[in-house]
């Protein structure tokens, strides 16, 4: 007997499933999920190795915010460091805006 322990829908185009599918038998849920796969994706899987829909969903999921933070190294920075970095970026933007505003004012007086 197949039992479903966890169903993660984050990053999944299927945001919600009918409660009858989730609460029903696992085989019905798997059948529904397999029916939602595009035909070309099914034929791309090797016939000798059968992949379940959950593995396919995990492979094709979009990168999450945490993944992006891990890649850039910002995930491990302290809150104080993050706030200082944001403040610095804000100061740079403000300085650019002030410079642009001064330039426009001088153009108006020429």
PDB file of N, CA and C in Angstrom:
ATOM      1  N   UNK A   1       0.838  -1.173   0.000  1.00  0.00           N
ATOM      2  CA  UNK A   1       0.000   0.000   0.000  1.00  0.00           C
ATOM      3  C   UNK A   1       0.890   1.246   0.000  1.00  0.00           C
ATOM      4  N   UNK A   2       0.571   2.194  -0.826  1.00  0.00           N
ATOM      5  CA  UNK A   2       1.330   3.440  -0.926  1.00  0.00           C
ATOM      6  C   UNK A   2       0.673   4.462  -0.019  1.00  0.00           C
ATOM      7  N   UNK A   3       1.494   5.149   0.789  1.00  0.00           N
ATOM      8  CA  UNK A   3       0.964   6.222   1.633  1.00  0.00           C
ATOM      9  C   UNK A   3       1.718   7.498   1.328  1.00  0.00           C
ATOM     10  N   UNK A   4       1.027   8.578   1.388  1.00  0.00           N
ATOM     11  CA  UNK A   4       1.606   9.885   1.128  1.00  0.00           C
ATOM     12  C   UNK A   4       1.908  10.540   2.460  1.00  0.00           C
ATOM     13  N   UNK A   5       3.172  10.877   2.677  1.00  0.00           N
ATOM     14  CA  UNK A   5       3.569  11.475   3.945  1.00  0.00           C
ATOM     15  C   UNK A   5       3.592  12.997   3.873  1.00  0.00           C
ATOM     16  N   UNK A   6       3.999  13.552   2.730  1.00  0.00           N
ATOM     17  CA  UNK A   6       4.124  14.998   2.629  1.00  0.00           C
ATOM     18  C   UNK A   6       3.829  15.421   1.200  1.00  0.00           C
ATOM     19  N   UNK A   7       3.144  16.548   1.054  1.00  0.00           N
ATOM     20  CA  UNK A   7       2.834  17.112  -0.251  1.00  0.00           C
ATOM     21  C   UNK A   7       3.218  18.580  -0.224  1.00  0.00           C
ATOM     22  N   UNK A   8       4.306  18.922  -0.903  1.00  0.00           N
ATOM     23  CA  UNK A   8       4.784  20.297  -0.943  1.00  0.00           C
ATOM     24  C   UNK A   8       4.309  20.951  -2.229  1.00  0.00           C
ATOM     25  N   UNK A   9       3.649  22.100  -2.108  1.00  0.00           N
ATOM     26  CA  UNK A   9       3.137  22.790  -3.278  1.00  0.00           C
ATOM     27  C   UNK A   9       3.850  24.108  -3.532  1.00  0.00           C
ATOM     28  N   UNK A  10       4.898  24.422  -2.778  1.00  0.00           N
ATOM     29  CA  UNK A  10       5.627  25.676  -2.975  1.00  0.00           C
ATOM     30  C   UNK A  10       6.359  25.629  -4.306  1.00  0.00           C
ATOM     31  N   UNK A  11       6.231  26.681  -5.093  1.00  0.00           N
ATOM     32  CA  UNK A  11       6.885  26.749  -6.386  1.00  0.00           C
ATOM     33  C   UNK A  11       6.222  25.880  -7.433  1.00  0.00           C
ATOM     34  N   UNK A  12       5.052  25.376  -7.134  1.00  0.00           N
ATOM     35  CA  UNK A  12       4.345  24.479  -8.023  1.00  0.00           C
ATOM     36  C   UNK A  12       3.253  25.264  -8.739  1.00  0.00           C
ATOM     37  N   UNK A  13       3.094  25.095 -10.051  1.00  0.00           N
ATOM     38  CA  UNK A  13       2.021  25.807 -10.734  1.00  0.00           C
ATOM     39  C   UNK A  13       0.637  25.397 -10.248  1.00  0.00           C
ATOM     40  N   UNK A  14       0.521  24.212  -9.657  1.00  0.00           N
ATOM     41  CA  UNK A  14      -0.741  23.806  -9.058  1.00  0.00           C
ATOM     42  C   UNK A  14      -0.759  24.334  -7.632  1.00  0.00           C
ATOM     43  N   UNK A  15      -1.300  25.495  -7.426  1.00  0.00           N
ATOM     44  CA  UNK A  15      -1.283  26.116  -6.106  1.00  0.00           C
ATOM     45  C   UNK A  15      -2.129  25.332  -5.105  1.00  0.00           C
ATOM     46  N   UNK A  16      -3.273  24.877  -5.538  1.00  0.00           N
ATOM     47  CA  UNK A  16      -4.141  24.130  -4.637  1.00  0.00           C
ATOM     48  C   UNK A  16      -4.675  22.910  -5.365  1.00  0.00           C
ATOM     49  N   UNK A  17      -4.990  21.919  -4.600  1.00  0.00           N
ATOM     50  CA  UNK A  17      -5.622  20.724  -5.134  1.00  0.00           C
ATOM     51  C   UNK A  17      -6.976  20.565  -4.460  1.00  0.00           C
ATOM     52  N   UNK A  18      -7.880  19.909  -5.133  1.00  0.00           N
ATOM     53  CA  UNK A  18      -9.174  19.656  -4.528  1.00  0.00           C
ATOM     54  C   UNK A  18      -8.979  18.836  -3.257  1.00  0.00           C
ATOM     55  N   UNK A  19      -9.753  19.145  -2.244  1.00  0.00           N
ATOM     56  CA  UNK A  19      -9.606  18.441  -0.966  1.00  0.00           C
ATOM     57  C   UNK A  19      -9.928  16.960  -1.112  1.00  0.00           C
ATOM     58  N   UNK A  20     -10.797  16.614  -2.050  1.00  0.00           N
ATOM     59  CA  UNK A  20     -11.110  15.200  -2.254  1.00  0.00           C
ATOM     60  C   UNK A  20      -9.892  14.433  -2.754  1.00  0.00           C
ATOM     61  N   UNK A  21      -9.035  15.097  -3.545  1.00  0.00           N
ATOM     62  CA  UNK A  21      -7.810  14.445  -4.013  1.00  0.00           C
ATOM     63  C   UNK A  21      -6.800  14.290  -2.881  1.00  0.00           C
ATOM     64  N   UNK A  22      -6.640  15.340  -2.094  1.00  0.00           N
ATOM     65  CA  UNK A  22      -5.656  15.313  -1.015  1.00  0.00           C
ATOM     66  C   UNK A  22      -6.066  14.331   0.071  1.00  0.00           C
ATOM     67  N   UNK A  23      -7.341  14.308   0.405  1.00  0.00           N
ATOM     68  CA  UNK A  23      -7.827  13.426   1.475  1.00  0.00           C
ATOM     69  C   UNK A  23      -8.110  12.008   0.994  1.00  0.00           C
ATOM     70  N   UNK A  24      -8.175  11.838  -0.303  1.00  0.00           N
ATOM     71  CA  UNK A  24      -8.497  10.528  -0.857  1.00  0.00           C
ATOM     72  C   UNK A  24      -7.294   9.611  -0.913  1.00  0.00           C
ATOM     73  N   UNK A  25      -7.419   8.527  -1.640  1.00  0.00           N
ATOM     74  CA  UNK A  25      -6.318   7.569  -1.750  1.00  0.00           C
ATOM     75  C   UNK A  25      -5.144   8.152  -2.549  1.00  0.00           C
ATOM     76  N   UNK A  26      -3.953   7.719  -2.202  1.00  0.00           N
ATOM     77  CA  UNK A  26      -2.734   8.223  -2.836  1.00  0.00           C
ATOM     78  C   UNK A  26      -2.700   7.884  -4.316  1.00  0.00           C
ATOM     79  N   UNK A  27      -3.210   6.739  -4.679  1.00  0.00           N
ATOM     80  CA  UNK A  27      -3.192   6.343  -6.090  1.00  0.00           C
ATOM     81  C   UNK A  27      -4.003   7.316  -6.950  1.00  0.00           C
ATOM     82  N   UNK A  28      -5.111   7.823  -6.400  1.00  0.00           N
ATOM     83  CA  UNK A  28      -5.931   8.782  -7.150  1.00  0.00           C
ATOM     84  C   UNK A  28      -5.179  10.098  -7.332  1.00  0.00           C
ATOM     85  N   UNK A  29      -4.453  10.518  -6.295  1.00  0.00           N
ATOM     86  CA  UNK A  29      -3.670  11.744  -6.385  1.00  0.00           C
ATOM     87  C   UNK A  29      -2.542  11.590  -7.408  1.00  0.00           C
ATOM     88  N   UNK A  30      -1.846  10.475  -7.376  1.00  0.00           N
ATOM     89  CA  UNK A  30      -0.770  10.232  -8.340  1.00  0.00           C
ATOM     90  C   UNK A  30      -1.302  10.184  -9.767  1.00  0.00           C
ATOM     91  N   UNK A  31      -2.450   9.565  -9.952  1.00  0.00           N
ATOM     92  CA  UNK A  31      -3.057   9.485 -11.278  1.00  0.00           C
ATOM     93  C   UNK A  31      -3.402  10.888 -11.786  1.00  0.00           C
ATOM     94  N   UNK A  32      -3.939  11.727 -10.901  1.00  0.00           N
ATOM     95  CA  UNK A  32      -4.280  13.102 -11.280  1.00  0.00           C
ATOM     96  C   UNK A  32      -3.020  13.885 -11.642  1.00  0.00           C
ATOM     97  N   UNK A  33      -1.983  13.784 -10.805  1.00  0.00           N
ATOM     98  CA  UNK A  33      -0.747  14.523 -11.065  1.00  0.00           C
ATOM     99  C   UNK A  33      -0.090  14.070 -12.366  1.00  0.00           C
ATOM    100  N   UNK A  34      -0.117  12.778 -12.637  1.00  0.00           N
ATOM    101  CA  UNK A  34       0.459  12.277 -13.885  1.00  0.00           C
ATOM    102  C   UNK A  34      -0.329  12.775 -15.088  1.00  0.00           C
ATOM    103  N   UNK A  35      -1.643  12.915 -14.930  1.00  0.00           N
ATOM    104  CA  UNK A  35      -2.463  13.389 -16.044  1.00  0.00           C
ATOM    105  C   UNK A  35      -2.194  14.858 -16.345  1.00  0.00           C
ATOM    106  N   UNK A  36      -1.655  15.606 -15.369  1.00  0.00           N
ATOM    107  CA  UNK A  36      -1.370  17.023 -15.555  1.00  0.00           C
ATOM    108  C   UNK A  36      -0.022  17.289 -16.226  1.00  0.00           C
ATOM    109  N   UNK A  37       0.822  16.257 -16.357  1.00  0.00           N
ATOM    110  CA  UNK A  37       2.122  16.422 -16.995  1.00  0.00           C
ATOM    111  C   UNK A  37       1.945  16.620 -18.493  1.00  0.00           C
ATOM    112  N   UNK A  38       2.747  17.517 -19.105  1.00  0.00           N
ATOM    113  CA  UNK A  38       2.686  17.668 -20.555  1.00  0.00           C
ATOM    114  C   UNK A  38       3.135  16.389 -21.245  1.00  0.00           C
ATOM    115  N   UNK A  39       2.609  16.131 -22.407  1.00  0.00           N
ATOM    116  CA  UNK A  39       2.930  14.895 -23.130  1.00  0.00           C
ATOM    117  C   UNK A  39       4.398  14.813 -23.481  1.00  0.00           C
ATOM    118  N   UNK A  40       5.026  15.942 -23.891  1.00  0.00           N
ATOM    119  CA  UNK A  40       6.437  15.906 -24.268  1.00  0.00           C
ATOM    120  C   UNK A  40       7.335  15.629 -23.065  1.00  0.00           C
ATOM    121  N   UNK A  41       6.911  16.029 -21.863  1.00  0.00           N
ATOM    122  CA  UNK A  41       7.702  15.760 -20.661  1.00  0.00           C
ATOM    123  C   UNK A  41       7.655  14.278 -20.300  1.00  0.00           C
ATOM    124  N   UNK A  42       6.526  13.645 -20.551  1.00  0.00           N
ATOM    125  CA  UNK A  42       6.411  12.214 -20.271  1.00  0.00           C
ATOM    126  C   UNK A  42       7.291  11.405 -21.211  1.00  0.00           C
ATOM    127  N   UNK A  43       7.352  11.811 -22.481  1.00  0.00           N
ATOM    128  CA  UNK A  43       8.150  11.061 -23.442  1.00  0.00           C
ATOM    129  C   UNK A  43       9.643  11.312 -23.259  1.00  0.00           C
ATOM    130  N   UNK A  44      10.011  12.413 -22.606  1.00  0.00           N
ATOM    131  CA  UNK A  44      11.426  12.714 -22.378  1.00  0.00           C
ATOM    132  C   UNK A  44      12.030  11.814 -21.309  1.00  0.00           C
ATOM    133  N   UNK A  45      11.198  11.277 -20.413  1.00  0.00           N
ATOM    134  CA  UNK A  45      11.705  10.392 -19.363  1.00  0.00           C
ATOM    135  C   UNK A  45      12.070   9.051 -19.977  1.00  0.00           C
ATOM    136  N   UNK A  46      13.197   8.476 -19.568  1.00  0.00           N
ATOM    137  CA  UNK A  46      13.577   7.176 -20.105  1.00  0.00           C
ATOM    138  C   UNK A  46      12.533   6.114 -19.735  1.00  0.00           C
ATOM    139  N   UNK A  47      12.266   5.221 -20.667  1.00  0.00           N
ATOM    140  CA  UNK A  47      11.222   4.224 -20.428  1.00  0.00           C
ATOM    141  C   UNK A  47      11.664   3.169 -19.427  1.00  0.00           C
ATOM    142  N   UNK A  48      12.973   2.903 -19.316  1.00  0.00           N
ATOM    143  CA  UNK A  48      13.456   1.881 -18.388  1.00  0.00           C
ATOM    144  C   UNK A  48      13.331   2.343 -16.946  1.00  0.00           C
ATOM    145  N   UNK A  49      13.559   3.635 -16.699  1.00  0.00           N
ATOM    146  CA  UNK A  49      13.472   4.171 -15.339  1.00  0.00           C
ATOM    147  C   UNK A  49      12.203   5.002 -15.246  1.00  0.00           C
ATOM    148  N   UNK A  50      11.330   4.629 -14.339  1.00  0.00           N
ATOM    149  CA  UNK A  50      10.072   5.330 -14.168  1.00  0.00           C
ATOM    150  C   UNK A  50      10.238   6.373 -13.070  1.00  0.00           C
ATOM    151  N   UNK A  51      10.044   7.656 -13.397  1.00  0.00           N
ATOM    152  CA  UNK A  51      10.167   8.720 -12.408  1.00  0.00           C
ATOM    153  C   UNK A  51       8.791   9.077 -11.894  1.00  0.00           C
ATOM    154  N   UNK A  52       8.720   9.324 -10.582  1.00  0.00           N
ATOM    155  CA  UNK A  52       7.435   9.726 -10.040  1.00  0.00           C
ATOM    156  C   UNK A  52       7.237  11.226 -10.254  1.00  0.00           C
ATOM    157  N   UNK A  53       6.002  11.715 -10.216  1.00  0.00           N
ATOM    158  CA  UNK A  53       5.724  13.128 -10.482  1.00  0.00           C
ATOM    159  C   UNK A  53       6.365  14.063  -9.466  1.00  0.00           C
ATOM    160  N   UNK A  54       6.573  13.589  -8.257  1.00  0.00           N
ATOM    161  CA  UNK A  54       7.158  14.438  -7.234  1.00  0.00           C
ATOM    162  C   UNK A  54       8.620  14.726  -7.550  1.00  0.00           C
ATOM    163  N   UNK A  55       9.335  13.743  -8.079  1.00  0.00           N
ATOM    164  CA  UNK A  55      10.729  13.957  -8.465  1.00  0.00           C
ATOM    165  C   UNK A  55      10.799  14.934  -9.637  1.00  0.00           C
ATOM    166  N   UNK A  56       9.872  14.823 -10.572  1.00  0.00           N
ATOM    167  CA  UNK A  56       9.845  15.744 -11.707  1.00  0.00           C
ATOM    168  C   UNK A  56       9.562  17.161 -11.246  1.00  0.00           C
ATOM    169  N   UNK A  57       8.637  17.313 -10.298  1.00  0.00           N
ATOM    170  CA  UNK A  57       8.303  18.634  -9.786  1.00  0.00           C
ATOM    171  C   UNK A  57       9.491  19.234  -9.049  1.00  0.00           C
ATOM    172  N   UNK A  58      10.217  18.439  -8.312  1.00  0.00           N
ATOM    173  CA  UNK A  58      11.373  18.937  -7.566  1.00  0.00           C
ATOM    174  C   UNK A  58      12.479  19.368  -8.522  1.00  0.00           C
ATOM    175  N   UNK A  59      12.664  18.653  -9.619  1.00  0.00           N
ATOM    176  CA  UNK A  59      13.709  18.993 -10.580  1.00  0.00           C
ATOM    177  C   UNK A  59      13.390  20.281 -11.323  1.00  0.00           C
ATOM    178  N   UNK A  60      12.119  20.510 -11.627  1.00  0.00           N
ATOM    179  CA  UNK A  60      11.751  21.650 -12.443  1.00  0.00           C
ATOM    180  C   UNK A  60      11.292  22.845 -11.626  1.00  0.00           C
ATOM    181  N   UNK A  61      11.428  22.790 -10.307  1.00  0.00           N
ATOM    182  CA  UNK A  61      10.957  23.892  -9.485  1.00  0.00           C
ATOM    183  C   UNK A  61      11.842  25.109  -9.678  1.00  0.00           C
ATOM    184  N   UNK A  62      11.267  26.260  -9.471  1.00  0.00           N
ATOM    185  CA  UNK A  62      11.990  27.509  -9.607  1.00  0.00           C
ATOM    186  C   UNK A  62      12.898  27.715  -8.404  1.00  0.00           C
ATOM    187  N   UNK A  63      13.939  28.515  -8.594  1.00  0.00           N
ATOM    188  CA  UNK A  63      14.826  28.783  -7.468  1.00  0.00           C
ATOM    189  C   UNK A  63      14.098  29.667  -6.471  1.00  0.00           C
ATOM    190  N   UNK A  64      14.229  29.322  -5.211  1.00  0.00           N
ATOM    191  CA  UNK A  64      13.548  30.078  -4.178  1.00  0.00           C
ATOM    192  C   UNK A  64      14.417  31.233  -3.716  1.00  0.00           C
ATOM    193  N   UNK A  65      13.829  32.104  -2.906  1.00  0.00           N
ATOM    194  CA  UNK A  65      14.556  33.247  -2.378  1.00  0.00           C
ATOM    195  C   UNK A  65      15.727  32.782  -1.512  1.00  0.00           C
ATOM    196  N   UNK A  66      15.510  31.727  -0.745  1.00  0.00           N
ATOM    197  CA  UNK A  66      16.570  31.194   0.112  1.00  0.00           C
ATOM    198  C   UNK A  66      17.728  30.675  -0.735  1.00  0.00           C
ATOM    199  N   UNK A  67      17.417  29.999  -1.852  1.00  0.00           N
ATOM    200  CA  UNK A  67      18.470  29.509  -2.745  1.00  0.00           C
ATOM    201  C   UNK A  67      19.306  30.661  -3.289  1.00  0.00           C
ATOM    202  N   UNK A  68      18.631  31.744  -3.668  1.00  0.00           N
ATOM    203  CA  UNK A  68      19.352  32.896  -4.196  1.00  0.00           C
ATOM    204  C   UNK A  68      20.230  33.529  -3.122  1.00  0.00           C
ATOM    205  N   UNK A  69      19.720  33.604  -1.886  1.00  0.00           N
ATOM    206  CA  UNK A  69      20.510  34.154  -0.790  1.00  0.00           C
ATOM    207  C   UNK A  69      21.714  33.275  -0.475  1.00  0.00           C
ATOM    208  N   UNK A  70      21.532  31.962  -0.565  1.00  0.00           N
ATOM    209  CA  UNK A  70      22.641  31.049  -0.326  1.00  0.00           C
ATOM    210  C   UNK A  70      23.721  31.207  -1.385  1.00  0.00           C
ATOM    211  N   UNK A  71      23.306  31.352  -2.637  1.00  0.00           N
ATOM    212  CA  UNK A  71      24.268  31.504  -3.730  1.00  0.00           C
ATOM    213  C   UNK A  71      25.091  32.781  -3.591  1.00  0.00           C
ATOM    214  N   UNK A  72      24.444  33.871  -3.160  1.00  0.00           N
ATOM    215  CA  UNK A  72      25.156  35.139  -3.044  1.00  0.00           C
ATOM    216  C   UNK A  72      25.916  35.261  -1.731  1.00  0.00           C
ATOM    217  N   UNK A  73      25.641  34.363  -0.777  1.00  0.00           N
ATOM    218  CA  UNK A  73      26.322  34.410   0.512  1.00  0.00           C
ATOM    219  C   UNK A  73      25.630  35.306   1.517  1.00  0.00           C
ATOM    220  N   UNK A  74      24.539  35.964   1.118  1.00  0.00           N
ATOM    221  CA  UNK A  74      23.833  36.875   2.010  1.00  0.00           C
ATOM    222  C   UNK A  74      23.070  36.138   3.103  1.00  0.00           C
ATOM    223  N   UNK A  75      22.825  34.874   2.920  1.00  0.00           N
ATOM    224  CA  UNK A  75      22.057  34.096   3.892  1.00  0.00           C
ATOM    225  C   UNK A  75      22.776  34.038   5.235  1.00  0.00           C
ATOM    226  N   UNK A  76      24.103  34.031   5.191  1.00  0.00           N
ATOM    227  CA  UNK A  76      24.893  33.859   6.404  1.00  0.00           C
ATOM    228  C   UNK A  76      25.262  35.178   7.067  1.00  0.00           C
ATOM    229  N   UNK A  77      24.887  36.309   6.481  1.00  0.00           N
ATOM    230  CA  UNK A  77      25.184  37.607   7.075  1.00  0.00           C
ATOM    231  C   UNK A  77      24.259  37.867   8.255  1.00  0.00           C
ATOM    232  N   UNK A  78      24.745  38.621   9.216  1.00  0.00           N
ATOM    233  CA  UNK A  78      23.914  38.948  10.379  1.00  0.00           C
ATOM    234  C   UNK A  78      22.891  40.008   9.989  1.00  0.00           C
ATOM    235  N   UNK A  79      21.879  40.189  10.832  1.00  0.00           N
ATOM    236  CA  UNK A  79      20.846  41.185  10.561  1.00  0.00           C
ATOM    237  C   UNK A  79      21.446  42.584  10.518  1.00  0.00           C
ATOM    238  N   UNK A  80      22.397  42.845  11.405  1.00  0.00           N
ATOM    239  CA  UNK A  80      23.026  44.155  11.449  1.00  0.00           C
ATOM    240  C   UNK A  80      23.792  44.426  10.160  1.00  0.00           C
ATOM    241  N   UNK A  81      24.480  43.429   9.652  1.00  0.00           N
ATOM    242  CA  UNK A  81      25.221  43.583   8.396  1.00  0.00           C
ATOM    243  C   UNK A  81      24.263  43.820   7.237  1.00  0.00           C
ATOM    244  N   UNK A  82      23.146  43.086   7.225  1.00  0.00           N
ATOM    245  CA  UNK A  82      22.146  43.269   6.163  1.00  0.00           C
ATOM    246  C   UNK A  82      21.554  44.666   6.210  1.00  0.00           C
ATOM    247  N   UNK A  83      21.251  45.164   7.418  1.00  0.00           N
ATOM    248  CA  UNK A  83      20.692  46.506   7.550  1.00  0.00           C
ATOM    249  C   UNK A  83      21.695  47.556   7.093  1.00  0.00           C
ATOM    250  N   UNK A  84      22.970  47.369   7.455  1.00  0.00           N
ATOM    251  CA  UNK A  84      24.006  48.318   7.036  1.00  0.00           C
ATOM    252  C   UNK A  84      24.147  48.325   5.518  1.00  0.00           C
ATOM    253  N   UNK A  85      24.063  47.150   4.898  1.00  0.00           N
ATOM    254  CA  UNK A  85      24.171  47.056   3.442  1.00  0.00           C
ATOM    255  C   UNK A  85      22.990  47.753   2.768  1.00  0.00           C
ATOM    256  N   UNK A  86      21.782  47.534   3.287  1.00  0.00           N
ATOM    257  CA  UNK A  86      20.599  48.184   2.726  1.00  0.00           C
ATOM    258  C   UNK A  86      20.680  49.695   2.895  1.00  0.00           C
ATOM    259  N   UNK A  87      21.160  50.165   4.067  1.00  0.00           N
ATOM    260  CA  UNK A  87      21.288  51.587   4.314  1.00  0.00           C
ATOM    261  C   UNK A  87      22.271  52.201   3.331  1.00  0.00           C
ATOM    262  N   UNK A  88      23.385  51.509   3.095  1.00  0.00           N
ATOM    263  CA  UNK A  88      24.399  51.998   2.156  1.00  0.00           C
ATOM    264  C   UNK A  88      23.812  52.094   0.750  1.00  0.00           C
ATOM    265  N   UNK A  89      23.065  51.089   0.323  1.00  0.00           N
ATOM    266  CA  UNK A  89      22.435  51.121  -1.003  1.00  0.00           C
ATOM    267  C   UNK A  89      21.446  52.280  -1.094  1.00  0.00           C
ATOM    268  N   UNK A  90      20.716  52.529  -0.021  1.00  0.00           N
ATOM    269  CA  UNK A  90      19.753  53.622   0.015  1.00  0.00           C
ATOM    270  C   UNK A  90      20.468  54.965  -0.118  1.00  0.00           C
ATOM    271  N   UNK A  91      21.601  55.121   0.573  1.00  0.00           N
ATOM    272  CA  UNK A  91      22.371  56.363   0.492  1.00  0.00           C
ATOM    273  C   UNK A  91      22.878  56.614  -0.928  1.00  0.00           C
ATOM    274  N   UNK A  92      23.334  55.552  -1.587  1.00  0.00           N
ATOM    275  CA  UNK A  92      23.820  55.683  -2.968  1.00  0.00           C
ATOM    276  C   UNK A  92      22.676  56.114  -3.890  1.00  0.00           C
ATOM    277  N   UNK A  93      21.501  55.514  -3.717  1.00  0.00           N
ATOM    278  CA  UNK A  93      20.347  55.892  -4.539  1.00  0.00           C
ATOM    279  C   UNK A  93      19.952  57.341  -4.302  1.00  0.00           C
ATOM    280  N   UNK A  94      19.963  57.756  -3.023  1.00  0.00           N
ATOM    281  CA  UNK A  94      19.604  59.136  -2.703  1.00  0.00           C
ATOM    282  C   UNK A  94      20.589  60.117  -3.315  1.00  0.00           C
ATOM    283  N   UNK A  95      21.878  59.790  -3.250  1.00  0.00           N
ATOM    284  CA  UNK A  95      22.896  60.671  -3.822  1.00  0.00           C
ATOM    285  C   UNK A  95      22.707  60.797  -5.332  1.00  0.00           C
ATOM    286  N   UNK A  96      22.398  59.707  -5.993  1.00  0.00           N
ATOM    287  CA  UNK A  96      22.163  59.740  -7.437  1.00  0.00           C
ATOM    288  C   UNK A  96      20.939  60.590  -7.758  1.00  0.00           C
ATOM    289  N   UNK A  97      19.914  60.463  -6.959  1.00  0.00           N
ATOM    290  CA  UNK A  97      18.685  61.230  -7.179  1.00  0.00           C
ATOM    291  C   UNK A  97      18.936  62.729  -6.974  1.00  0.00           C
ATOM    292  N   UNK A  98      19.710  63.073  -5.929  1.00  0.00           N
ATOM    293  CA  UNK A  98      20.031  64.477  -5.663  1.00  0.00           C
ATOM    294  C   UNK A  98      20.824  65.062  -6.823  1.00  0.00           C
ATOM    295  N   UNK A  99      21.796  64.308  -7.321  1.00  0.00           N
ATOM    296  CA  UNK A  99      22.608  64.771  -8.448  1.00  0.00           C
ATOM    297  C   UNK A  99      21.740  65.005  -9.683  1.00  0.00           C
ATOM    298  N   UNK A 100      20.829  64.083  -9.943  1.00  0.00           N
ATOM    299  CA  UNK A 100      19.928  64.214 -11.091  1.00  0.00           C
ATOM    300  C   UNK A 100      19.015  65.434 -10.937  1.00  0.00           C
ATOM    301  N   UNK A 101      18.508  65.660  -9.738  1.00  0.00           N
ATOM    302  CA  UNK A 101      17.627  66.805  -9.488  1.00  0.00           C
ATOM    303  C   UNK A 101      18.383  68.115  -9.677  1.00  0.00           C
ATOM    304  N   UNK A 102      19.613  68.200  -9.176  1.00  0.00           N
ATOM    305  CA  UNK A 102      20.423  69.410  -9.352  1.00  0.00           C
ATOM    306  C   UNK A 102      20.694  69.674 -10.823  1.00  0.00           C
ATOM    307  N   UNK A 103      20.995  68.624 -11.576  1.00  0.00           N
ATOM    308  CA  UNK A 103      21.261  68.778 -13.005  1.00  0.00           C
ATOM    309  C   UNK A 103      20.033  69.323 -13.729  1.00  0.00           C
ATOM    310  N   UNK A 104      18.847  68.813 -13.372  1.00  0.00           N
ATOM    311  CA  UNK A 104      17.608  69.287 -14.016  1.00  0.00           C
ATOM    312  C   UNK A 104      17.337  70.742 -13.676  1.00  0.00           C
ATOM    313  N   UNK A 105      17.606  71.156 -12.446  1.00  0.00           N
ATOM    314  CA  UNK A 105      17.391  72.546 -12.042  1.00  0.00           C
ATOM    315  C   UNK A 105      18.326  73.481 -12.809  1.00  0.00           C
ATOM    316  N   UNK A 106      19.572  73.064 -12.955  1.00  0.00           N
ATOM    317  CA  UNK A 106      20.537  73.905 -13.676  1.00  0.00           C
ATOM    318  C   UNK A 106      20.166  74.024 -15.150  1.00  0.00           C
ATOM    319  N   UNK A 107      19.631  72.941 -15.723  1.00  0.00           N
ATOM    320  CA  UNK A 107      19.191  72.998 -17.121  1.00  0.00           C
ATOM    321  C   UNK A 107      18.050  73.984 -17.287  1.00  0.00           C
ATOM    322  N   UNK A 108      17.170  74.053 -16.285  1.00  0.00           N
ATOM    323  CA  UNK A 108      16.020  74.941 -16.360  1.00  0.00           C
ATOM    324  C   UNK A 108      16.449  76.403 -16.340  1.00  0.00           C
ATOM    325  N   UNK A 109      17.552  76.724 -15.662  1.00  0.00           N
ATOM    326  CA  UNK A 109      17.999  78.103 -15.563  1.00  0.00           C
ATOM    327  C   UNK A 109      18.896  78.533 -16.715  1.00  0.00           C
ATOM    328  N   UNK A 110      19.303  77.645 -17.563  1.00  0.00           N
ATOM    329  CA  UNK A 110      20.163  78.002 -18.703  1.00  0.00           C
ATOM    330  C   UNK A 110      19.407  78.560 -19.832  1.00  0.00           C
TER     331      UNK A 110
END
